[in-house]
């Protein structure tokens, strides 16, 4: 036996250091795929601009990460639930249960995509550590039949989905510290990539301004306070001015920022924001011209 891999004989701290040493490698490995990730974002933004959605599909850990990233988009960027969706084979029961056998169910993949009315404007992202999961592969094939743009994310350079996807992001993370436990380095790499895809797409769509979450929905007192902070950081206006304007515009941070920065009234600010497709930076660059 290779004693280098005999974790049983290590102290708690030694095991943790081994895990940490492996995790350190992931950002550098993902860095090698930044060009592919950038191209993937451009495909996703094009799909959104056509009225399409971003649809993630995966099994096991990959599916759980898909659902998690999709579920974070509405509270972070204020988008509707349907805009970014994560599908895990086995459905919601697979999020906490053990339904790994569903990764072999190709018919289930088609049924799951039919249930959300997948269409040609959607961008379908298949996530699979091996690059060979039958559920994900069949989902990609079905997406291509509908003329969807397809993106594969895998942690193995030889995964077969690369042969059918329009674009593949492949990060070879190497052996896991627990052999075959792809929730570890592979999961970390996938999470990093999904963060980049969704976050950068939303930035390109104007869901942020500077580095601020200006599309957040103030549905409770905590978020109303966050909106006040966002508007202050964007404008440096005083608290009294921010309170007054936010109350008038129903705590819409985008409208408040435009009003403070330009002197426009609410109706004018809304028209300008609509004209520039929700992008505050474009409004501020162009409002003097009209």
C-alpha atoms as a PDB file:
ATOM      1  CA  UNK A   1       0.000   0.000   0.000  1.00  0.00           C
ATOM      2  CA  UNK A   2       1.162   3.545  -0.750  1.00  0.00           C
ATOM      3  CA  UNK A   3       1.674   4.986   2.725  1.00  0.00           C
ATOM      4  CA  UNK A   4       1.512   8.504   1.252  1.00  0.00           C
ATOM      5  CA  UNK A   5      -2.236   7.934   0.926  1.00  0.00           C
ATOM      6  CA  UNK A   6      -2.780   6.302   4.305  1.00  0.00           C
ATOM      7  CA  UNK A   7      -4.975   8.991   5.847  1.00  0.00           C
ATOM      8  CA  UNK A   8      -5.820   6.732   8.799  1.00  0.00           C
ATOM      9  CA  UNK A   9      -2.359   7.250  10.310  1.00  0.00           C
ATOM     10  CA  UNK A  10      -2.437  11.046  10.123  1.00  0.00           C
ATOM     11  CA  UNK A  11      -3.414  13.477  12.835  1.00  0.00           C
ATOM     12  CA  UNK A  12      -6.491  15.641  12.416  1.00  0.00           C
ATOM     13  CA  UNK A  13      -4.367  18.646  11.513  1.00  0.00           C
ATOM     14  CA  UNK A  14      -2.316  16.651   8.999  1.00  0.00           C
ATOM     15  CA  UNK A  15      -5.468  15.519   7.195  1.00  0.00           C
ATOM     16  CA  UNK A  16      -6.796  19.070   7.097  1.00  0.00           C
ATOM     17  CA  UNK A  17      -3.488  20.332   5.703  1.00  0.00           C
ATOM     18  CA  UNK A  18      -3.614  17.701   2.967  1.00  0.00           C
ATOM     19  CA  UNK A  19      -7.134  18.799   2.002  1.00  0.00           C
ATOM     20  CA  UNK A  20      -6.092  22.450   2.068  1.00  0.00           C
ATOM     21  CA  UNK A  21      -3.008  21.769  -0.061  1.00  0.00           C
ATOM     22  CA  UNK A  22      -5.179  20.135  -2.711  1.00  0.00           C
ATOM     23  CA  UNK A  23      -7.752  22.937  -2.577  1.00  0.00           C
ATOM     24  CA  UNK A  24      -5.025  25.527  -3.177  1.00  0.00           C
ATOM     25  CA  UNK A  25      -4.481  24.110  -6.652  1.00  0.00           C
ATOM     26  CA  UNK A  26      -8.027  24.652  -7.896  1.00  0.00           C
ATOM     27  CA  UNK A  27      -8.011  28.397  -8.617  1.00  0.00           C
ATOM     28  CA  UNK A  28      -4.884  28.004 -10.754  1.00  0.00           C
ATOM     29  CA  UNK A  29      -6.412  25.109 -12.666  1.00  0.00           C
ATOM     30  CA  UNK A  30      -9.628  27.062 -13.277  1.00  0.00           C
ATOM     31  CA  UNK A  31      -7.509  29.991 -14.462  1.00  0.00           C
ATOM     32  CA  UNK A  32      -6.406  27.913 -17.448  1.00  0.00           C
ATOM     33  CA  UNK A  33     -10.017  27.874 -18.661  1.00  0.00           C
ATOM     34  CA  UNK A  34     -10.813  31.585 -18.305  1.00  0.00           C
ATOM     35  CA  UNK A  35     -11.064  32.109 -22.068  1.00  0.00           C
ATOM     36  CA  UNK A  36     -13.589  29.292 -22.366  1.00  0.00           C
ATOM     37  CA  UNK A  37     -15.506  30.619 -19.374  1.00  0.00           C
ATOM     38  CA  UNK A  38     -15.585  34.065 -20.992  1.00  0.00           C
ATOM     39  CA  UNK A  39     -16.970  32.616 -24.225  1.00  0.00           C
ATOM     40  CA  UNK A  40     -19.568  30.734 -22.202  1.00  0.00           C
ATOM     41  CA  UNK A  41     -20.700  33.964 -20.522  1.00  0.00           C
ATOM     42  CA  UNK A  42     -21.112  35.608 -23.928  1.00  0.00           C
ATOM     43  CA  UNK A  43     -23.334  32.711 -25.056  1.00  0.00           C
ATOM     44  CA  UNK A  44     -25.417  33.001 -21.896  1.00  0.00           C
ATOM     45  CA  UNK A  45     -25.869  36.765 -22.250  1.00  0.00           C
ATOM     46  CA  UNK A  46     -26.893  36.336 -25.895  1.00  0.00           C
ATOM     47  CA  UNK A  47     -29.492  33.810 -24.763  1.00  0.00           C
ATOM     48  CA  UNK A  48     -30.851  36.151 -22.100  1.00  0.00           C
ATOM     49  CA  UNK A  49     -31.121  38.974 -24.625  1.00  0.00           C
ATOM     50  CA  UNK A  50     -33.202  36.690 -26.852  1.00  0.00           C
ATOM     51  CA  UNK A  51     -35.563  36.048 -23.946  1.00  0.00           C
ATOM     52  CA  UNK A  52     -34.008  32.704 -23.106  1.00  0.00           C
ATOM     53  CA  UNK A  53     -32.970  31.236 -19.779  1.00  0.00           C
ATOM     54  CA  UNK A  54     -29.855  29.733 -18.248  1.00  0.00           C
ATOM     55  CA  UNK A  55     -30.542  26.087 -17.434  1.00  0.00           C
ATOM     56  CA  UNK A  56     -28.096  23.998 -15.427  1.00  0.00           C
ATOM     57  CA  UNK A  57     -28.379  20.191 -15.344  1.00  0.00           C
ATOM     58  CA  UNK A  58     -26.424  17.720 -13.244  1.00  0.00           C
ATOM     59  CA  UNK A  59     -26.525  14.663 -11.010  1.00  0.00           C
ATOM     60  CA  UNK A  60     -25.286  14.188  -7.464  1.00  0.00           C
ATOM     61  CA  UNK A  61     -22.916  16.912  -6.295  1.00  0.00           C
ATOM     62  CA  UNK A  62     -22.963  18.567  -9.721  1.00  0.00           C
ATOM     63  CA  UNK A  63     -26.747  18.799  -9.618  1.00  0.00           C
ATOM     64  CA  UNK A  64     -26.736  20.168  -6.079  1.00  0.00           C
ATOM     65  CA  UNK A  65     -24.282  22.875  -7.113  1.00  0.00           C
ATOM     66  CA  UNK A  66     -26.496  23.643 -10.119  1.00  0.00           C
ATOM     67  CA  UNK A  67     -29.540  24.148  -7.927  1.00  0.00           C
ATOM     68  CA  UNK A  68     -27.587  26.206  -5.391  1.00  0.00           C
ATOM     69  CA  UNK A  69     -26.144  28.622  -7.946  1.00  0.00           C
ATOM     70  CA  UNK A  70     -29.507  29.071  -9.662  1.00  0.00           C
ATOM     71  CA  UNK A  71     -31.314  29.631  -6.353  1.00  0.00           C
ATOM     72  CA  UNK A  72     -28.905  32.412  -5.374  1.00  0.00           C
ATOM     73  CA  UNK A  73     -29.557  34.501  -8.486  1.00  0.00           C
ATOM     74  CA  UNK A  74     -32.987  35.930  -7.519  1.00  0.00           C
ATOM     75  CA  UNK A  75     -31.963  37.280  -4.084  1.00  0.00           C
ATOM     76  CA  UNK A  76     -28.591  38.528  -5.331  1.00  0.00           C
ATOM     77  CA  UNK A  77     -29.600  40.049  -8.652  1.00  0.00           C
ATOM     78  CA  UNK A  78     -33.355  40.560  -8.306  1.00  0.00           C
ATOM     79  CA  UNK A  79     -34.194  38.371 -11.303  1.00  0.00           C
ATOM     80  CA  UNK A  80     -37.267  36.181 -11.662  1.00  0.00           C
ATOM     81  CA  UNK A  81     -36.995  32.565 -10.534  1.00  0.00           C
ATOM     82  CA  UNK A  82     -37.426  31.225 -14.048  1.00  0.00           C
ATOM     83  CA  UNK A  83     -34.427  33.107 -15.485  1.00  0.00           C
ATOM     84  CA  UNK A  84     -31.758  30.794 -14.037  1.00  0.00           C
ATOM     85  CA  UNK A  85     -32.805  27.247 -13.191  1.00  0.00           C
ATOM     86  CA  UNK A  86     -30.927  24.292 -11.775  1.00  0.00           C
ATOM     87  CA  UNK A  87     -32.123  20.751 -12.461  1.00  0.00           C
ATOM     88  CA  UNK A  88     -30.813  17.773 -10.511  1.00  0.00           C
ATOM     89  CA  UNK A  89     -31.619  14.232 -11.552  1.00  0.00           C
ATOM     90  CA  UNK A  90     -34.050  12.866  -9.008  1.00  0.00           C
ATOM     91  CA  UNK A  91     -35.575  16.266  -8.289  1.00  0.00           C
ATOM     92  CA  UNK A  92     -35.810  17.926  -4.891  1.00  0.00           C
ATOM     93  CA  UNK A  93     -35.595  14.573  -3.095  1.00  0.00           C
ATOM     94  CA  UNK A  94     -32.062  14.197  -4.458  1.00  0.00           C
ATOM     95  CA  UNK A  95     -30.916  17.395  -2.720  1.00  0.00           C
ATOM     96  CA  UNK A  96     -30.880  15.715   0.681  1.00  0.00           C
ATOM     97  CA  UNK A  97     -31.399  12.059  -0.171  1.00  0.00           C
ATOM     98  CA  UNK A  98     -29.366   9.457  -2.002  1.00  0.00           C
ATOM     99  CA  UNK A  99     -30.678   9.107  -5.535  1.00  0.00           C
ATOM    100  CA  UNK A 100     -27.394   8.640  -7.375  1.00  0.00           C
ATOM    101  CA  UNK A 101     -28.922   5.919  -9.579  1.00  0.00           C
ATOM    102  CA  UNK A 102     -30.846   8.622 -11.440  1.00  0.00           C
ATOM    103  CA  UNK A 103     -27.627   9.726 -13.148  1.00  0.00           C
ATOM    104  CA  UNK A 104     -28.050   6.750 -15.498  1.00  0.00           C
ATOM    105  CA  UNK A 105     -31.642   7.630 -16.448  1.00  0.00           C
ATOM    106  CA  UNK A 106     -31.519   9.188 -19.926  1.00  0.00           C
ATOM    107  CA  UNK A 107     -35.302   9.290 -20.313  1.00  0.00           C
ATOM    108  CA  UNK A 108     -35.550  11.246 -17.062  1.00  0.00           C
ATOM    109  CA  UNK A 109     -33.254  13.908 -18.512  1.00  0.00           C
ATOM    110  CA  UNK A 110     -35.623  14.504 -21.417  1.00  0.00           C
ATOM    111  CA  UNK A 111     -38.693  14.495 -19.179  1.00  0.00           C
ATOM    112  CA  UNK A 112     -37.102  17.015 -16.814  1.00  0.00           C
ATOM    113  CA  UNK A 113     -36.265  19.386 -19.674  1.00  0.00           C
ATOM    114  CA  UNK A 114     -39.697  18.989 -21.224  1.00  0.00           C
ATOM    115  CA  UNK A 115     -41.244  19.882 -17.861  1.00  0.00           C
ATOM    116  CA  UNK A 116     -39.662  23.346 -18.040  1.00  0.00           C
ATOM    117  CA  UNK A 117     -40.437  23.763 -21.755  1.00  0.00           C
ATOM    118  CA  UNK A 118     -36.815  24.006 -22.839  1.00  0.00           C
ATOM    119  CA  UNK A 119     -36.586  25.998 -26.067  1.00  0.00           C
ATOM    120  CA  UNK A 120     -33.993  27.140 -28.591  1.00  0.00           C
ATOM    121  CA  UNK A 121     -33.374  30.493 -26.883  1.00  0.00           C
ATOM    122  CA  UNK A 122     -32.280  28.784 -23.664  1.00  0.00           C
ATOM    123  CA  UNK A 123     -28.622  28.059 -22.884  1.00  0.00           C
ATOM    124  CA  UNK A 124     -28.154  24.593 -21.424  1.00  0.00           C
ATOM    125  CA  UNK A 125     -25.166  23.941 -19.155  1.00  0.00           C
ATOM    126  CA  UNK A 126     -24.367  20.312 -18.371  1.00  0.00           C
ATOM    127  CA  UNK A 127     -22.257  19.772 -15.235  1.00  0.00           C
ATOM    128  CA  UNK A 128     -20.499  16.459 -14.723  1.00  0.00           C
ATOM    129  CA  UNK A 129     -17.187  15.740 -13.001  1.00  0.00           C
ATOM    130  CA  UNK A 130     -16.428  12.785 -15.267  1.00  0.00           C
ATOM    131  CA  UNK A 131     -17.775  14.375 -18.420  1.00  0.00           C
ATOM    132  CA  UNK A 132     -19.676  11.147 -19.096  1.00  0.00           C
ATOM    133  CA  UNK A 133     -22.783  11.123 -16.875  1.00  0.00           C
ATOM    134  CA  UNK A 134     -25.608   9.607 -19.006  1.00  0.00           C
ATOM    135  CA  UNK A 135     -28.286  11.931 -17.584  1.00  0.00           C
ATOM    136  CA  UNK A 136     -26.234  15.012 -18.450  1.00  0.00           C
ATOM    137  CA  UNK A 137     -25.100  13.691 -21.828  1.00  0.00           C
ATOM    138  CA  UNK A 138     -28.672  12.949 -22.906  1.00  0.00           C
ATOM    139  CA  UNK A 139     -29.815  16.346 -21.650  1.00  0.00           C
ATOM    140  CA  UNK A 140     -27.194  18.009 -23.843  1.00  0.00           C
ATOM    141  CA  UNK A 141     -28.195  15.892 -26.835  1.00  0.00           C
ATOM    142  CA  UNK A 142     -31.839  16.849 -26.339  1.00  0.00           C
ATOM    143  CA  UNK A 143     -30.909  20.508 -26.016  1.00  0.00           C
ATOM    144  CA  UNK A 144     -29.035  20.353 -29.291  1.00  0.00           C
ATOM    145  CA  UNK A 145     -32.067  18.770 -30.951  1.00  0.00           C
ATOM    146  CA  UNK A 146     -33.983  21.909 -29.938  1.00  0.00           C
ATOM    147  CA  UNK A 147     -31.131  24.125 -31.235  1.00  0.00           C
ATOM    148  CA  UNK A 148     -30.149  25.347 -27.753  1.00  0.00           C
ATOM    149  CA  UNK A 149     -26.631  26.574 -27.190  1.00  0.00           C
ATOM    150  CA  UNK A 150     -24.923  23.975 -25.011  1.00  0.00           C
ATOM    151  CA  UNK A 151     -22.038  24.281 -22.558  1.00  0.00           C
ATOM    152  CA  UNK A 152     -20.300  21.438 -20.755  1.00  0.00           C
ATOM    153  CA  UNK A 153     -18.477  21.755 -17.439  1.00  0.00           C
ATOM    154  CA  UNK A 154     -16.319  18.773 -16.522  1.00  0.00           C
ATOM    155  CA  UNK A 155     -13.323  17.900 -14.381  1.00  0.00           C
ATOM    156  CA  UNK A 156     -11.797  15.388 -16.738  1.00  0.00           C
ATOM    157  CA  UNK A 157     -10.105  16.342 -20.006  1.00  0.00           C
ATOM    158  CA  UNK A 158     -11.314  13.193 -21.754  1.00  0.00           C
ATOM    159  CA  UNK A 159     -15.011  13.472 -20.881  1.00  0.00           C
ATOM    160  CA  UNK A 160     -17.184  12.597 -23.858  1.00  0.00           C
ATOM    161  CA  UNK A 161     -19.609  15.506 -23.545  1.00  0.00           C
ATOM    162  CA  UNK A 162     -16.895  17.646 -25.131  1.00  0.00           C
ATOM    163  CA  UNK A 163     -17.778  15.952 -28.411  1.00  0.00           C
ATOM    164  CA  UNK A 164     -21.379  17.183 -28.358  1.00  0.00           C
ATOM    165  CA  UNK A 165     -21.324  20.574 -26.584  1.00  0.00           C
ATOM    166  CA  UNK A 166     -20.964  23.866 -28.434  1.00  0.00           C
ATOM    167  CA  UNK A 167     -18.390  24.844 -25.806  1.00  0.00           C
ATOM    168  CA  UNK A 168     -16.650  22.899 -23.049  1.00  0.00           C
ATOM    169  CA  UNK A 169     -14.962  24.063 -19.857  1.00  0.00           C
ATOM    170  CA  UNK A 170     -12.647  21.278 -18.709  1.00  0.00           C
ATOM    171  CA  UNK A 171     -10.606  21.484 -15.498  1.00  0.00           C
ATOM    172  CA  UNK A 172      -8.424  18.482 -14.685  1.00  0.00           C
ATOM    173  CA  UNK A 173      -8.374  18.612 -10.875  1.00  0.00           C
ATOM    174  CA  UNK A 174      -6.409  15.386 -10.460  1.00  0.00           C
ATOM    175  CA  UNK A 175      -7.077  12.652  -7.878  1.00  0.00           C
ATOM    176  CA  UNK A 176      -9.274  13.530  -4.920  1.00  0.00           C
ATOM    177  CA  UNK A 177      -7.872  13.095  -1.414  1.00  0.00           C
ATOM    178  CA  UNK A 178     -10.703  10.586  -0.896  1.00  0.00           C
ATOM    179  CA  UNK A 179     -10.583   8.611  -4.125  1.00  0.00           C
ATOM    180  CA  UNK A 180     -13.638   9.312  -6.275  1.00  0.00           C
ATOM    181  CA  UNK A 181     -15.164  11.872  -3.893  1.00  0.00           C
ATOM    182  CA  UNK A 182     -15.972  14.482  -6.503  1.00  0.00           C
ATOM    183  CA  UNK A 183     -17.739  16.685  -3.956  1.00  0.00           C
ATOM    184  CA  UNK A 184     -14.249  17.850  -3.016  1.00  0.00           C
ATOM    185  CA  UNK A 185     -11.858  19.372  -5.594  1.00  0.00           C
ATOM    186  CA  UNK A 186     -14.192  18.764  -8.518  1.00  0.00           C
ATOM    187  CA  UNK A 187     -17.052  20.338  -6.589  1.00  0.00           C
ATOM    188  CA  UNK A 188     -14.907  23.335  -5.687  1.00  0.00           C
ATOM    189  CA  UNK A 189     -13.882  23.847  -9.308  1.00  0.00           C
ATOM    190  CA  UNK A 190     -17.482  23.566 -10.507  1.00  0.00           C
ATOM    191  CA  UNK A 191     -18.711  26.042  -7.901  1.00  0.00           C
ATOM    192  CA  UNK A 192     -16.040  28.548  -8.906  1.00  0.00           C
ATOM    193  CA  UNK A 193     -17.011  28.227 -12.569  1.00  0.00           C
ATOM    194  CA  UNK A 194     -20.736  28.563 -11.871  1.00  0.00           C
ATOM    195  CA  UNK A 195     -20.038  31.685  -9.783  1.00  0.00           C
ATOM    196  CA  UNK A 196     -18.244  33.197 -12.768  1.00  0.00           C
ATOM    197  CA  UNK A 197     -20.940  32.249 -15.283  1.00  0.00           C
ATOM    198  CA  UNK A 198     -23.922  33.588 -13.354  1.00  0.00           C
ATOM    199  CA  UNK A 199     -22.250  36.612 -11.760  1.00  0.00           C
ATOM    200  CA  UNK A 200     -20.537  37.864 -14.906  1.00  0.00           C
ATOM    201  CA  UNK A 201     -23.676  37.330 -16.982  1.00  0.00           C
ATOM    202  CA  UNK A 202     -25.681  39.424 -14.528  1.00  0.00           C
ATOM    203  CA  UNK A 203     -23.036  42.147 -14.553  1.00  0.00           C
ATOM    204  CA  UNK A 204     -23.196  42.241 -18.353  1.00  0.00           C
ATOM    205  CA  UNK A 205     -26.988  42.566 -18.150  1.00  0.00           C
ATOM    206  CA  UNK A 206     -26.771  45.611 -15.873  1.00  0.00           C
ATOM    207  CA  UNK A 207     -27.945  43.860 -12.724  1.00  0.00           C
ATOM    208  CA  UNK A 208     -25.097  45.550 -10.871  1.00  0.00           C
ATOM    209  CA  UNK A 209     -23.652  49.076 -10.830  1.00  0.00           C
ATOM    210  CA  UNK A 210     -19.994  49.494  -9.915  1.00  0.00           C
ATOM    211  CA  UNK A 211     -19.701  46.478  -7.615  1.00  0.00           C
ATOM    212  CA  UNK A 212     -23.107  47.017  -5.996  1.00  0.00           C
ATOM    213  CA  UNK A 213     -26.205  44.786  -6.015  1.00  0.00           C
ATOM    214  CA  UNK A 214     -28.520  47.480  -7.347  1.00  0.00           C
ATOM    215  CA  UNK A 215     -31.204  45.021  -8.453  1.00  0.00           C
ATOM    216  CA  UNK A 216     -31.863  43.703  -4.954  1.00  0.00           C
ATOM    217  CA  UNK A 217     -35.555  43.588  -4.011  1.00  0.00           C
ATOM    218  CA  UNK A 218     -36.218  45.292  -0.632  1.00  0.00           C
ATOM    219  CA  UNK A 219     -38.756  42.764   0.608  1.00  0.00           C
ATOM    220  CA  UNK A 220     -37.896  43.141   4.310  1.00  0.00           C
ATOM    221  CA  UNK A 221     -36.407  45.709   6.675  1.00  0.00           C
ATOM    222  CA  UNK A 222     -32.916  44.217   6.442  1.00  0.00           C
ATOM    223  CA  UNK A 223     -32.933  44.571   2.669  1.00  0.00           C
ATOM    224  CA  UNK A 224     -34.341  48.097   2.890  1.00  0.00           C
ATOM    225  CA  UNK A 225     -31.340  49.017   5.020  1.00  0.00           C
ATOM    226  CA  UNK A 226     -29.072  47.352   2.491  1.00  0.00           C
ATOM    227  CA  UNK A 227     -30.675  49.420  -0.281  1.00  0.00           C
ATOM    228  CA  UNK A 228     -29.945  52.594   1.684  1.00  0.00           C
ATOM    229  CA  UNK A 229     -26.307  51.533   2.011  1.00  0.00           C
ATOM    230  CA  UNK A 230     -26.080  50.702  -1.699  1.00  0.00           C
ATOM    231  CA  UNK A 231     -27.468  54.092  -2.711  1.00  0.00           C
ATOM    232  CA  UNK A 232     -25.101  55.844  -0.300  1.00  0.00           C
ATOM    233  CA  UNK A 233     -22.075  53.991  -1.670  1.00  0.00           C
ATOM    234  CA  UNK A 234     -23.120  54.783  -5.237  1.00  0.00           C
ATOM    235  CA  UNK A 235     -23.875  58.480  -4.701  1.00  0.00           C
ATOM    236  CA  UNK A 236     -22.345  59.583  -1.386  1.00  0.00           C
ATOM    237  CA  UNK A 237     -25.625  61.365  -0.681  1.00  0.00           C
ATOM    238  CA  UNK A 238     -26.627  62.037   2.912  1.00  0.00           C
ATOM    239  CA  UNK A 239     -29.037  59.790   4.809  1.00  0.00           C
ATOM    240  CA  UNK A 240     -31.932  62.280   4.777  1.00  0.00           C
ATOM    241  CA  UNK A 241     -31.797  62.715   1.001  1.00  0.00           C
ATOM    242  CA  UNK A 242     -31.583  58.950   0.449  1.00  0.00           C
ATOM    243  CA  UNK A 243     -34.521  58.259   2.777  1.00  0.00           C
ATOM    244  CA  UNK A 244     -36.683  60.863   1.066  1.00  0.00           C
ATOM    245  CA  UNK A 245     -36.007  59.633  -2.457  1.00  0.00           C
ATOM    246  CA  UNK A 246     -36.260  55.936  -1.635  1.00  0.00           C
ATOM    247  CA  UNK A 247     -39.671  56.426  -0.070  1.00  0.00           C
ATOM    248  CA  UNK A 248     -40.854  58.202  -3.216  1.00  0.00           C
ATOM    249  CA  UNK A 249     -39.579  55.498  -5.585  1.00  0.00           C
ATOM    250  CA  UNK A 250     -40.643  52.501  -3.493  1.00  0.00           C
ATOM    251  CA  UNK A 251     -37.094  51.652  -2.459  1.00  0.00           C
ATOM    252  CA  UNK A 252     -35.873  51.067  -6.015  1.00  0.00           C
ATOM    253  CA  UNK A 253     -32.089  51.543  -5.739  1.00  0.00           C
ATOM    254  CA  UNK A 254     -31.577  52.037  -9.476  1.00  0.00           C
ATOM    255  CA  UNK A 255     -34.142  54.806  -9.728  1.00  0.00           C
ATOM    256  CA  UNK A 256     -32.865  56.456  -6.554  1.00  0.00           C
ATOM    257  CA  UNK A 257     -29.276  56.486  -7.821  1.00  0.00           C
ATOM    258  CA  UNK A 258     -30.299  58.003 -11.161  1.00  0.00           C
ATOM    259  CA  UNK A 259     -32.424  60.691  -9.494  1.00  0.00           C
ATOM    260  CA  UNK A 260     -29.627  61.683  -7.108  1.00  0.00           C
ATOM    261  CA  UNK A 261     -26.944  61.674  -9.780  1.00  0.00           C
ATOM    262  CA  UNK A 262     -28.924  63.433 -12.535  1.00  0.00           C
ATOM    263  CA  UNK A 263     -31.714  65.458 -10.940  1.00  0.00           C
ATOM    264  CA  UNK A 264     -34.295  63.701 -13.117  1.00  0.00           C
ATOM    265  CA  UNK A 265     -37.725  63.001 -11.685  1.00  0.00           C
ATOM    266  CA  UNK A 266     -39.041  59.466 -11.135  1.00  0.00           C
ATOM    267  CA  UNK A 267     -40.827  59.232 -14.487  1.00  0.00           C
ATOM    268  CA  UNK A 268     -37.801  60.521 -16.400  1.00  0.00           C
ATOM    269  CA  UNK A 269     -35.456  58.203 -14.510  1.00  0.00           C
ATOM    270  CA  UNK A 270     -37.629  55.194 -15.325  1.00  0.00           C
ATOM    271  CA  UNK A 271     -37.754  56.131 -19.014  1.00  0.00           C
ATOM    272  CA  UNK A 272     -33.982  56.495 -19.172  1.00  0.00           C
ATOM    273  CA  UNK A 273     -33.462  53.211 -17.366  1.00  0.00           C
ATOM    274  CA  UNK A 274     -35.818  51.479 -19.776  1.00  0.00           C
ATOM    275  CA  UNK A 275     -34.076  53.069 -22.759  1.00  0.00           C
ATOM    276  CA  UNK A 276     -30.718  51.690 -21.649  1.00  0.00           C
ATOM    277  CA  UNK A 277     -32.067  48.268 -20.653  1.00  0.00           C
ATOM    278  CA  UNK A 278     -31.587  48.693 -16.913  1.00  0.00           C
ATOM    279  CA  UNK A 279     -27.941  49.722 -17.100  1.00  0.00           C
ATOM    280  CA  UNK A 280     -27.304  52.613 -14.701  1.00  0.00           C
ATOM    281  CA  UNK A 281     -23.836  53.314 -16.100  1.00  0.00           C
ATOM    282  CA  UNK A 282     -25.278  53.871 -19.585  1.00  0.00           C
ATOM    283  CA  UNK A 283     -27.941  56.220 -18.215  1.00  0.00           C
ATOM    284  CA  UNK A 284     -25.360  58.326 -16.414  1.00  0.00           C
ATOM    285  CA  UNK A 285     -23.125  58.426 -19.470  1.00  0.00           C
ATOM    286  CA  UNK A 286     -25.893  59.602 -21.767  1.00  0.00           C
ATOM    287  CA  UNK A 287     -28.514  61.624 -19.849  1.00  0.00           C
ATOM    288  CA  UNK A 288     -26.875  64.993 -20.637  1.00  0.00           C
ATOM    289  CA  UNK A 289     -27.391  64.355 -24.340  1.00  0.00           C
ATOM    290  CA  UNK A 290     -31.182  64.554 -24.161  1.00  0.00           C
END
